[in-house]
Amino acid sequence: HARSMVPCQDTPSSKITYSAEISAPEALVVLMSALQDEAGRSLNSP
């Protein structure tokens, strides 16, 4: 089902690293299958 969320090679035969910058409503918390990384913030404004 990853292919319905991200265009990707959706096969366990291939492994990737990933990073993300997610914009969400201020009142909510975002969690991902990754480490939080404030240093990865872009210069874009939400």
All heavy atoms as atom14 arrays in JSON, in Angstrom:
{
  "sequence": "HARSMVPCQDTPSSKITYSAEISAPEALVVLMSALQDEAGRSLNSP",
  "atom14_mask": [
    [1, 1, 1, 1, 1, 1, 1, 1, 1, 1, 0, 0, 0, 0],
    [1, 1, 1, 1, 1, 0, 0, 0, 0, 0, 0, 0, 0, 0],
    [1, 1, 1, 1, 1, 1, 1, 1, 1, 1, 1, 0, 0, 0],
    [1, 1, 1, 1, 1, 1, 0, 0, 0, 0, 0, 0, 0, 0],
    [1, 1, 1, 1, 1, 1, 1, 1, 0, 0, 0, 0, 0, 0],
    [1, 1, 1, 1, 1, 1, 1, 0, 0, 0, 0, 0, 0, 0],
    [1, 1, 1, 1, 1, 1, 1, 0, 0, 0, 0, 0, 0, 0],
    [1, 1, 1, 1, 1, 1, 0, 0, 0, 0, 0, 0, 0, 0],
    [1, 1, 1, 1, 1, 1, 1, 1, 1, 0, 0, 0, 0, 0],
    [1, 1, 1, 1, 1, 1, 1, 1, 0, 0, 0, 0, 0, 0],
    [1, 1, 1, 1, 1, 1, 1, 0, 0, 0, 0, 0, 0, 0],
    [1, 1, 1, 1, 1, 1, 1, 0, 0, 0, 0, 0, 0, 0],
    [1, 1, 1, 1, 1, 1, 0, 0, 0, 0, 0, 0, 0, 0],
    [1, 1, 1, 1, 1, 1, 0, 0, 0, 0, 0, 0, 0, 0],
    [1, 1, 1, 1, 1, 1, 1, 1, 1, 0, 0, 0, 0, 0],
    [1, 1, 1, 1, 1, 1, 1, 1, 0, 0, 0, 0, 0, 0],
    [1, 1, 1, 1, 1, 1, 1, 0, 0, 0, 0, 0, 0, 0],
    [1, 1, 1, 1, 1, 1, 1, 1, 1, 1, 1, 1, 0, 0],
    [1, 1, 1, 1, 1, 1, 0, 0, 0, 0, 0, 0, 0, 0],
    [1, 1, 1, 1, 1, 0, 0, 0, 0, 0, 0, 0, 0, 0],
    [1, 1, 1, 1, 1, 1, 1, 1, 1, 0, 0, 0, 0, 0],
    [1, 1, 1, 1, 1, 1, 1, 1, 0, 0, 0, 0, 0, 0],
    [1, 1, 1, 1, 1, 1, 0, 0, 0, 0, 0, 0, 0, 0],
    [1, 1, 1, 1, 1, 0, 0, 0, 0, 0, 0, 0, 0, 0],
    [1, 1, 1, 1, 1, 1, 1, 0, 0, 0, 0, 0, 0, 0],
    [1, 1, 1, 1, 1, 1, 1, 1, 1, 0, 0, 0, 0, 0],
    [1, 1, 1, 1, 1, 0, 0, 0, 0, 0, 0, 0, 0, 0],
    [1, 1, 1, 1, 1, 1, 1, 1, 0, 0, 0, 0, 0, 0],
    [1, 1, 1, 1, 1, 1, 1, 0, 0, 0, 0, 0, 0, 0],
    [1, 1, 1, 1, 1, 1, 1, 0, 0, 0, 0, 0, 0, 0],
    [1, 1, 1, 1, 1, 1, 1, 1, 0, 0, 0, 0, 0, 0],
    [1, 1, 1, 1, 1, 1, 1, 1, 0, 0, 0, 0, 0, 0],
    [1, 1, 1, 1, 1, 1, 0, 0, 0, 0, 0, 0, 0, 0],
    [1, 1, 1, 1, 1, 0, 0, 0, 0, 0, 0, 0, 0, 0],
    [1, 1, 1, 1, 1, 1, 1, 1, 0, 0, 0, 0, 0, 0],
    [1, 1, 1, 1, 1, 1, 1, 1, 1, 0, 0, 0, 0, 0],
    [1, 1, 1, 1, 1, 1, 1, 1, 0, 0, 0, 0, 0, 0],
    [1, 1, 1, 1, 1, 1, 1, 1, 1, 0, 0, 0, 0, 0],
    [1, 1, 1, 1, 1, 0, 0, 0, 0, 0, 0, 0, 0, 0],
    [1, 1, 1, 1, 0, 0, 0, 0, 0, 0, 0, 0, 0, 0],
    [1, 1, 1, 1, 1, 1, 1, 1, 1, 1, 1, 0, 0, 0],
    [1, 1, 1, 1, 1, 1, 0, 0, 0, 0, 0, 0, 0, 0],
    [1, 1, 1, 1, 1, 1, 1, 1, 0, 0, 0, 0, 0, 0],
    [1, 1, 1, 1, 1, 1, 1, 1, 0, 0, 0, 0, 0, 0],
    [1, 1, 1, 1, 1, 1, 0, 0, 0, 0, 0, 0, 0, 0],
    [1, 1, 1, 1, 1, 1, 1, 0, 0, 0, 0, 0, 0, 0]
  ],
  "atom14_positions": [
    [[0.8, -1.23, 0.0], [0.0, 0.0, 0.0], [0.83, 1.27, 0.0], [0.27, 2.37, -0.14], [-0.96, -0.01, 1.19], [-1.89, -1.17, 1.17], [-2.95, -1.26, 0.29], [-1.91, -2.32, 1.91], [-3.59, -2.41, 0.48], [-2.97, -3.07, 1.44], [0.0, 0.0, 0.0], [0.0, 0.0, 0.0], [0.0, 0.0, 0.0], [0.0, 0.0, 0.0]],
    [[2.15, 1.17, 0.14], [2.98, 2.37, 0.1], [2.8, 3.1, -1.23], [2.85, 4.33, -1.29], [4.45, 2.03, 0.32], [0.0, 0.0, 0.0], [0.0, 0.0, 0.0], [0.0, 0.0, 0.0], [0.0, 0.0, 0.0], [0.0, 0.0, 0.0], [0.0, 0.0, 0.0], [0.0, 0.0, 0.0], [0.0, 0.0, 0.0], [0.0, 0.0, 0.0]],
    [[2.54, 2.36, -2.3], [2.39, 2.95, -3.63], [1.16, 3.86, -3.73], [1.07, 4.65, -4.66], [2.31, 1.84, -4.68], [1.1, 0.93, -4.56], [1.23, -0.33, -5.41], [2.29, -1.2, -4.93], [2.62, -2.37, -5.51], [1.94, -2.79, -6.57], [3.59, -3.1, -5.02], [0.0, 0.0, 0.0], [0.0, 0.0, 0.0], [0.0, 0.0, 0.0]],
    [[0.23, 3.75, -2.79], [-0.91, 4.67, -2.79], [-0.61, 5.94, -1.99], [-1.41, 6.88, -1.99], [-2.14, 3.98, -2.2], [-2.05, 3.82, -0.79], [0.0, 0.0, 0.0], [0.0, 0.0, 0.0], [0.0, 0.0, 0.0], [0.0, 0.0, 0.0], [0.0, 0.0, 0.0], [0.0, 0.0, 0.0], [0.0, 0.0, 0.0], [0.0, 0.0, 0.0]],
    [[0.55, 5.99, -1.33], [0.95, 7.14, -0.52], [2.16, 7.86, -1.11], [2.29, 9.08, -0.99], [1.27, 6.67, 0.91], [1.54, 7.78, 1.9], [1.68, 7.19, 3.6], [3.38, 6.63, 3.67], [0.0, 0.0, 0.0], [0.0, 0.0, 0.0], [0.0, 0.0, 0.0], [0.0, 0.0, 0.0], [0.0, 0.0, 0.0], [0.0, 0.0, 0.0]],
    [[3.04, 7.1, -1.78], [4.29, 7.64, -2.32], [4.59, 6.94, -3.65], [4.49, 5.7, -3.7], [5.48, 7.38, -1.36], [6.75, 8.01, -1.9], [5.17, 7.87, 0.04], [0.0, 0.0, 0.0], [0.0, 0.0, 0.0], [0.0, 0.0, 0.0], [0.0, 0.0, 0.0], [0.0, 0.0, 0.0], [0.0, 0.0, 0.0], [0.0, 0.0, 0.0]],
    [[4.96, 7.65, -4.71], [5.45, 6.94, -5.89], [6.81, 6.33, -5.56], [7.75, 7.03, -5.19], [5.57, 8.06, -6.94], [5.71, 9.32, -6.15], [4.98, 9.11, -4.86], [0.0, 0.0, 0.0], [0.0, 0.0, 0.0], [0.0, 0.0, 0.0], [0.0, 0.0, 0.0], [0.0, 0.0, 0.0], [0.0, 0.0, 0.0], [0.0, 0.0, 0.0]],
    [[6.91, 5.02, -5.66], [8.09, 4.34, -5.13], [8.26, 2.98, -5.78], [7.39, 2.52, -6.54], [7.98, 4.17, -3.61], [6.56, 3.16, -3.1], [0.0, 0.0, 0.0], [0.0, 0.0, 0.0], [0.0, 0.0, 0.0], [0.0, 0.0, 0.0], [0.0, 0.0, 0.0], [0.0, 0.0, 0.0], [0.0, 0.0, 0.0], [0.0, 0.0, 0.0]],
    [[9.37, 2.34, -5.49], [9.58, 0.94, -5.86], [9.07, 0.12, -4.68], [9.8, -0.15, -3.73], [11.06, 0.7, -6.17], [11.5, 1.46, -7.41], [12.95, 1.26, -7.77], [13.82, 1.18, -6.9], [13.24, 1.21, -9.07], [0.0, 0.0, 0.0], [0.0, 0.0, 0.0], [0.0, 0.0, 0.0], [0.0, 0.0, 0.0], [0.0, 0.0, 0.0]],
    [[7.81, -0.26, -4.78], [7.1, -0.85, -3.64], [7.31, -2.35, -3.59], [6.39, -3.15, -3.73], [5.61, -0.51, -3.74], [4.86, -0.69, -2.43], [5.53, -0.86, -1.4], [3.62, -0.65, -2.45], [0.0, 0.0, 0.0], [0.0, 0.0, 0.0], [0.0, 0.0, 0.0], [0.0, 0.0, 0.0], [0.0, 0.0, 0.0], [0.0, 0.0, 0.0]],
    [[8.55, -2.72, -3.4], [8.95, -4.12, -3.28], [9.94, -4.25, -2.13], [10.86, -3.41, -2.02], [9.58, -4.65, -4.58], [10.21, -5.93, -4.32], [10.64, -3.7, -5.13], [0.0, 0.0, 0.0], [0.0, 0.0, 0.0], [0.0, 0.0, 0.0], [0.0, 0.0, 0.0], [0.0, 0.0, 0.0], [0.0, 0.0, 0.0], [0.0, 0.0, 0.0]],
    [[9.81, -5.25, -1.28], [10.78, -5.4, -0.19], [12.17, -5.8, -0.66], [13.11, -5.81, 0.13], [10.15, -6.48, 0.7], [9.23, -7.23, -0.19], [8.71, -6.23, -1.2], [0.0, 0.0, 0.0], [0.0, 0.0, 0.0], [0.0, 0.0, 0.0], [0.0, 0.0, 0.0], [0.0, 0.0, 0.0], [0.0, 0.0, 0.0], [0.0, 0.0, 0.0]],
    [[12.3, -6.12, -1.95], [13.63, -6.49, -2.47], [14.57, -5.3, -2.56], [15.77, -5.46, -2.69], [13.49, -7.13, -3.86], [13.02, -6.18, -4.8], [0.0, 0.0, 0.0], [0.0, 0.0, 0.0], [0.0, 0.0, 0.0], [0.0, 0.0, 0.0], [0.0, 0.0, 0.0], [0.0, 0.0, 0.0], [0.0, 0.0, 0.0], [0.0, 0.0, 0.0]],
    [[14.01, -4.08, -2.49], [14.82, -2.87, -2.59], [14.63, -2.03, -1.34], [13.5, -1.79, -0.91], [14.39, -2.07, -3.82], [15.2, -0.92, -3.98], [0.0, 0.0, 0.0], [0.0, 0.0, 0.0], [0.0, 0.0, 0.0], [0.0, 0.0, 0.0], [0.0, 0.0, 0.0], [0.0, 0.0, 0.0], [0.0, 0.0, 0.0], [0.0, 0.0, 0.0]],
    [[15.72, -1.57, -0.75], [15.65, -0.78, 0.48], [16.13, 0.65, 0.23], [17.01, 0.88, -0.61], [16.47, -1.44, 1.59], [15.88, -2.75, 2.09], [16.6, -3.25, 3.33], [15.89, -4.44, 3.94], [16.5, -4.87, 5.22], [0.0, 0.0, 0.0], [0.0, 0.0, 0.0], [0.0, 0.0, 0.0], [0.0, 0.0, 0.0], [0.0, 0.0, 0.0]],
    [[15.54, 1.56, 0.97], [15.86, 2.98, 0.83], [16.09, 3.6, 2.2], [15.62, 3.1, 3.22], [14.7, 3.74, 0.15], [13.41, 3.58, 0.99], [14.49, 3.28, -1.27], [12.37, 4.63, 0.75], [0.0, 0.0, 0.0], [0.0, 0.0, 0.0], [0.0, 0.0, 0.0], [0.0, 0.0, 0.0], [0.0, 0.0, 0.0], [0.0, 0.0, 0.0]],
    [[16.79, 4.71, 2.22], [16.73, 5.63, 3.36], [15.71, 6.7, 2.99], [15.37, 6.88, 1.81], [18.09, 6.26, 3.65], [18.57, 6.89, 2.45], [19.1, 5.2, 4.1], [0.0, 0.0, 0.0], [0.0, 0.0, 0.0], [0.0, 0.0, 0.0], [0.0, 0.0, 0.0], [0.0, 0.0, 0.0], [0.0, 0.0, 0.0], [0.0, 0.0, 0.0]],
    [[15.19, 7.4, 3.99], [14.26, 8.48, 3.64], [14.32, 9.61, 4.65], [14.82, 9.45, 5.77], [12.83, 7.95, 3.45], [11.95, 7.83, 4.68], [11.13, 8.89, 5.07], [11.89, 6.64, 5.41], [10.29, 8.78, 6.17], [11.04, 6.52, 6.51], [10.25, 7.59, 6.89], [9.41, 7.48, 7.98], [0.0, 0.0, 0.0], [0.0, 0.0, 0.0]],
    [[13.84, 10.77, 4.2], [13.7, 11.94, 5.06], [12.38, 12.6, 4.69], [11.78, 12.29, 3.66], [14.88, 12.9, 4.88], [15.06, 13.22, 3.51], [0.0, 0.0, 0.0], [0.0, 0.0, 0.0], [0.0, 0.0, 0.0], [0.0, 0.0, 0.0], [0.0, 0.0, 0.0], [0.0, 0.0, 0.0], [0.0, 0.0, 0.0], [0.0, 0.0, 0.0]],
    [[11.92, 13.5, 5.54], [10.61, 14.1, 5.27], [10.49, 15.44, 5.96], [11.06, 15.67, 7.04], [9.5, 13.17, 5.74], [0.0, 0.0, 0.0], [0.0, 0.0, 0.0], [0.0, 0.0, 0.0], [0.0, 0.0, 0.0], [0.0, 0.0, 0.0], [0.0, 0.0, 0.0], [0.0, 0.0, 0.0], [0.0, 0.0, 0.0], [0.0, 0.0, 0.0]],
    [[9.73, 16.32, 5.32], [9.29, 17.58, 5.91], [7.78, 17.64, 5.71], [7.3, 17.73, 4.58], [9.98, 18.77, 5.26], [9.61, 20.1, 5.91], [10.4, 21.27, 5.33], [10.12, 21.64, 4.17], [11.28, 21.79, 6.03], [0.0, 0.0, 0.0], [0.0, 0.0, 0.0], [0.0, 0.0, 0.0], [0.0, 0.0, 0.0], [0.0, 0.0, 0.0]],
    [[7.05, 17.53, 6.82], [5.6, 17.4, 6.77], [4.96, 18.65, 7.35], [5.28, 19.06, 8.48], [5.12, 16.17, 7.55], [5.89, 14.91, 7.12], [3.61, 15.98, 7.41], [5.68, 14.5, 5.69], [0.0, 0.0, 0.0], [0.0, 0.0, 0.0], [0.0, 0.0, 0.0], [0.0, 0.0, 0.0], [0.0, 0.0, 0.0], [0.0, 0.0, 0.0]],
    [[4.04, 19.24, 6.61], [3.27, 20.38, 7.09], [1.91, 19.89, 7.57], [1.19, 19.2, 6.84], [3.09, 21.4, 5.96], [2.18, 22.41, 6.33], [0.0, 0.0, 0.0], [0.0, 0.0, 0.0], [0.0, 0.0, 0.0], [0.0, 0.0, 0.0], [0.0, 0.0, 0.0], [0.0, 0.0, 0.0], [0.0, 0.0, 0.0], [0.0, 0.0, 0.0]],
    [[1.55, 20.24, 8.82], [0.29, 19.78, 9.41], [-0.28, 20.86, 10.31], [0.45, 21.77, 10.74], [0.52, 18.49, 10.2], [0.0, 0.0, 0.0], [0.0, 0.0, 0.0], [0.0, 0.0, 0.0], [0.0, 0.0, 0.0], [0.0, 0.0, 0.0], [0.0, 0.0, 0.0], [0.0, 0.0, 0.0], [0.0, 0.0, 0.0], [0.0, 0.0, 0.0]],
    [[-1.57, 20.79, 10.66], [-2.17, 21.79, 11.55], [-1.38, 21.94, 12.85], [-0.89, 20.97, 13.43], [-3.57, 21.24, 11.8], [-3.88, 20.45, 10.56], [-2.58, 19.83, 10.15], [0.0, 0.0, 0.0], [0.0, 0.0, 0.0], [0.0, 0.0, 0.0], [0.0, 0.0, 0.0], [0.0, 0.0, 0.0], [0.0, 0.0, 0.0], [0.0, 0.0, 0.0]],
    [[-1.28, 23.2, 13.31], [-0.43, 23.53, 14.46], [-0.78, 22.74, 15.71], [0.09, 22.42, 16.52], [-0.54, 25.03, 14.76], [0.2, 25.91, 13.76], [0.04, 27.38, 14.09], [-1.06, 27.8, 14.51], [1.03, 28.12, 13.92], [0.0, 0.0, 0.0], [0.0, 0.0, 0.0], [0.0, 0.0, 0.0], [0.0, 0.0, 0.0], [0.0, 0.0, 0.0]],
    [[-2.05, 22.43, 15.91], [-2.47, 21.76, 17.14], [-2.11, 20.28, 17.18], [-2.24, 19.64, 18.24], [-3.99, 21.91, 17.32], [0.0, 0.0, 0.0], [0.0, 0.0, 0.0], [0.0, 0.0, 0.0], [0.0, 0.0, 0.0], [0.0, 0.0, 0.0], [0.0, 0.0, 0.0], [0.0, 0.0, 0.0], [0.0, 0.0, 0.0], [0.0, 0.0, 0.0]],
    [[-1.64, 19.74, 16.07], [-1.44, 18.3, 15.96], [0.05, 17.93, 15.98], [0.91, 18.73, 15.62], [-2.1, 17.77, 14.69], [-3.59, 18.07, 14.55], [-4.14, 17.42, 13.29], [-4.37, 17.62, 15.79], [0.0, 0.0, 0.0], [0.0, 0.0, 0.0], [0.0, 0.0, 0.0], [0.0, 0.0, 0.0], [0.0, 0.0, 0.0], [0.0, 0.0, 0.0]],
    [[0.31, 16.71, 16.39], [1.64, 16.13, 16.4], [1.79, 15.22, 15.19], [0.86, 14.48, 14.85], [1.87, 15.33, 17.7], [3.18, 14.54, 17.64], [1.86, 16.25, 18.91], [0.0, 0.0, 0.0], [0.0, 0.0, 0.0], [0.0, 0.0, 0.0], [0.0, 0.0, 0.0], [0.0, 0.0, 0.0], [0.0, 0.0, 0.0], [0.0, 0.0, 0.0]],
    [[2.94, 15.26, 14.54], [3.25, 14.35, 13.44], [4.33, 13.38, 13.91], [5.34, 13.79, 14.5], [3.75, 15.11, 12.2], [4.11, 14.14, 11.08], [2.69, 16.1, 11.72], [0.0, 0.0, 0.0], [0.0, 0.0, 0.0], [0.0, 0.0, 0.0], [0.0, 0.0, 0.0], [0.0, 0.0, 0.0], [0.0, 0.0, 0.0], [0.0, 0.0, 0.0]],
    [[4.11, 12.11, 13.65], [5.09, 11.07, 13.95], [5.34, 10.29, 12.67], [4.43, 10.09, 11.87], [4.58, 10.14, 15.04], [4.27, 10.77, 16.4], [3.58, 9.75, 17.31], [5.53, 11.31, 17.06], [0.0, 0.0, 0.0], [0.0, 0.0, 0.0], [0.0, 0.0, 0.0], [0.0, 0.0, 0.0], [0.0, 0.0, 0.0], [0.0, 0.0, 0.0]],
    [[6.58, 9.82, 12.49], [6.91, 8.97, 11.35], [7.84, 7.86, 11.79], [8.39, 7.89, 12.9], [7.55, 9.79, 10.22], [6.61, 10.81, 9.58], [7.23, 11.48, 8.01], [6.88, 10.1, 6.89], [0.0, 0.0, 0.0], [0.0, 0.0, 0.0], [0.0, 0.0, 0.0], [0.0, 0.0, 0.0], [0.0, 0.0, 0.0], [0.0, 0.0, 0.0]],
    [[8.01, 6.88, 10.9], [8.9, 5.74, 11.19], [10.34, 6.17, 10.97], [11.07, 5.59, 10.15], [8.54, 4.57, 10.28], [8.54, 4.97, 8.92], [0.0, 0.0, 0.0], [0.0, 0.0, 0.0], [0.0, 0.0, 0.0], [0.0, 0.0, 0.0], [0.0, 0.0, 0.0], [0.0, 0.0, 0.0], [0.0, 0.0, 0.0], [0.0, 0.0, 0.0]],
    [[10.74, 7.17, 11.71], [12.05, 7.79, 11.54], [12.36, 8.62, 12.78], [11.51, 8.76, 13.67], [12.03, 8.68, 10.29], [0.0, 0.0, 0.0], [0.0, 0.0, 0.0], [0.0, 0.0, 0.0], [0.0, 0.0, 0.0], [0.0, 0.0, 0.0], [0.0, 0.0, 0.0], [0.0, 0.0, 0.0], [0.0, 0.0, 0.0], [0.0, 0.0, 0.0]],
    [[13.56, 9.15, 12.82], [13.97, 10.0, 13.93], [13.57, 11.44, 13.66], [13.64, 11.91, 12.51], [15.49, 9.92, 14.11], [16.06, 8.52, 14.37], [17.58, 8.55, 14.27], [15.62, 8.01, 15.74], [0.0, 0.0, 0.0], [0.0, 0.0, 0.0], [0.0, 0.0, 0.0], [0.0, 0.0, 0.0], [0.0, 0.0, 0.0], [0.0, 0.0, 0.0]],
    [[13.14, 12.15, 14.68], [12.85, 13.56, 14.5], [14.14, 14.3, 14.18], [15.2, 14.01, 14.73], [12.16, 14.12, 15.74], [10.8, 13.48, 15.98], [9.99, 14.19, 17.05], [10.22, 15.36, 17.34], [9.02, 13.49, 17.62], [0.0, 0.0, 0.0], [0.0, 0.0, 0.0], [0.0, 0.0, 0.0], [0.0, 0.0, 0.0], [0.0, 0.0, 0.0]],
    [[14.05, 15.28, 13.27], [15.25, 15.9, 12.73], [15.0, 17.38, 12.47], [14.76, 17.8, 11.34], [15.66, 15.2, 11.43], [16.92, 15.77, 10.82], [17.75, 16.3, 11.58], [17.06, 15.68, 9.58], [0.0, 0.0, 0.0], [0.0, 0.0, 0.0], [0.0, 0.0, 0.0], [0.0, 0.0, 0.0], [0.0, 0.0, 0.0], [0.0, 0.0, 0.0]],
    [[15.07, 18.18, 13.51], [14.82, 19.61, 13.34], [15.88, 20.26, 12.47], [15.64, 21.3, 11.84], [14.74, 20.29, 14.71], [13.48, 19.92, 15.5], [12.21, 20.11, 14.68], [12.0, 21.22, 14.14], [11.43, 19.14, 14.55], [0.0, 0.0, 0.0], [0.0, 0.0, 0.0], [0.0, 0.0, 0.0], [0.0, 0.0, 0.0], [0.0, 0.0, 0.0]],
    [[17.06, 19.67, 12.41], [18.12, 20.23, 11.57], [17.79, 20.1, 10.08], [18.4, 20.77, 9.25], [19.44, 19.53, 11.86], [0.0, 0.0, 0.0], [0.0, 0.0, 0.0], [0.0, 0.0, 0.0], [0.0, 0.0, 0.0], [0.0, 0.0, 0.0], [0.0, 0.0, 0.0], [0.0, 0.0, 0.0], [0.0, 0.0, 0.0], [0.0, 0.0, 0.0]],
    [[16.82, 19.25, 9.76], [16.47, 19.04, 8.36], [15.44, 20.02, 7.83], [14.99, 19.89, 6.69], [0.0, 0.0, 0.0], [0.0, 0.0, 0.0], [0.0, 0.0, 0.0], [0.0, 0.0, 0.0], [0.0, 0.0, 0.0], [0.0, 0.0, 0.0], [0.0, 0.0, 0.0], [0.0, 0.0, 0.0], [0.0, 0.0, 0.0], [0.0, 0.0, 0.0]],
    [[15.08, 21.03, 8.61], [14.06, 21.98, 8.19], [14.55, 22.84, 7.01], [15.68, 23.32, 7.0], [13.68, 22.87, 9.36], [12.49, 23.79, 9.07], [12.11, 24.61, 10.29], [11.88, 23.77, 11.46], [10.78, 23.06, 11.68], [9.83, 23.06, 10.75], [10.65, 22.34, 12.76], [0.0, 0.0, 0.0], [0.0, 0.0, 0.0], [0.0, 0.0, 0.0]],
    [[13.67, 23.04, 6.03], [14.02, 23.87, 4.88], [13.78, 25.34, 5.22], [13.31, 25.69, 6.3], [13.15, 23.48, 3.68], [11.8, 23.9, 3.9], [0.0, 0.0, 0.0], [0.0, 0.0, 0.0], [0.0, 0.0, 0.0], [0.0, 0.0, 0.0], [0.0, 0.0, 0.0], [0.0, 0.0, 0.0], [0.0, 0.0, 0.0], [0.0, 0.0, 0.0]],
    [[14.09, 26.21, 4.26], [13.87, 27.64, 4.45], [12.45, 28.05, 4.08], [12.08, 29.21, 4.22], [14.88, 28.43, 3.6], [16.35, 28.22, 3.96], [17.24, 29.01, 3.01], [16.62, 28.62, 5.41], [0.0, 0.0, 0.0], [0.0, 0.0, 0.0], [0.0, 0.0, 0.0], [0.0, 0.0, 0.0], [0.0, 0.0, 0.0], [0.0, 0.0, 0.0]],
    [[11.65, 27.08, 3.61], [10.27, 27.39, 3.24], [9.45, 27.74, 4.47], [9.73, 27.28, 5.58], [9.62, 26.2, 2.52], [10.34, 25.86, 1.23], [10.85, 26.75, 0.57], [10.38, 24.59, 0.88], [0.0, 0.0, 0.0], [0.0, 0.0, 0.0], [0.0, 0.0, 0.0], [0.0, 0.0, 0.0], [0.0, 0.0, 0.0], [0.0, 0.0, 0.0]],
    [[8.42, 28.52, 4.27], [7.5, 28.86, 5.36], [6.24, 28.02, 5.24], [5.7, 27.86, 4.14], [7.12, 30.35, 5.31], [8.27, 31.16, 5.46], [0.0, 0.0, 0.0], [0.0, 0.0, 0.0], [0.0, 0.0, 0.0], [0.0, 0.0, 0.0], [0.0, 0.0, 0.0], [0.0, 0.0, 0.0], [0.0, 0.0, 0.0], [0.0, 0.0, 0.0]],
    [[5.76, 27.45, 6.36], [4.51, 26.68, 6.28], [3.34, 27.61, 6.02], [3.39, 28.81, 6.3], [4.42, 26.05, 7.67], [5.19, 26.97, 8.57], [6.3, 27.52, 7.72], [0.0, 0.0, 0.0], [0.0, 0.0, 0.0], [0.0, 0.0, 0.0], [0.0, 0.0, 0.0], [0.0, 0.0, 0.0], [0.0, 0.0, 0.0], [0.0, 0.0, 0.0]]
  ]
}
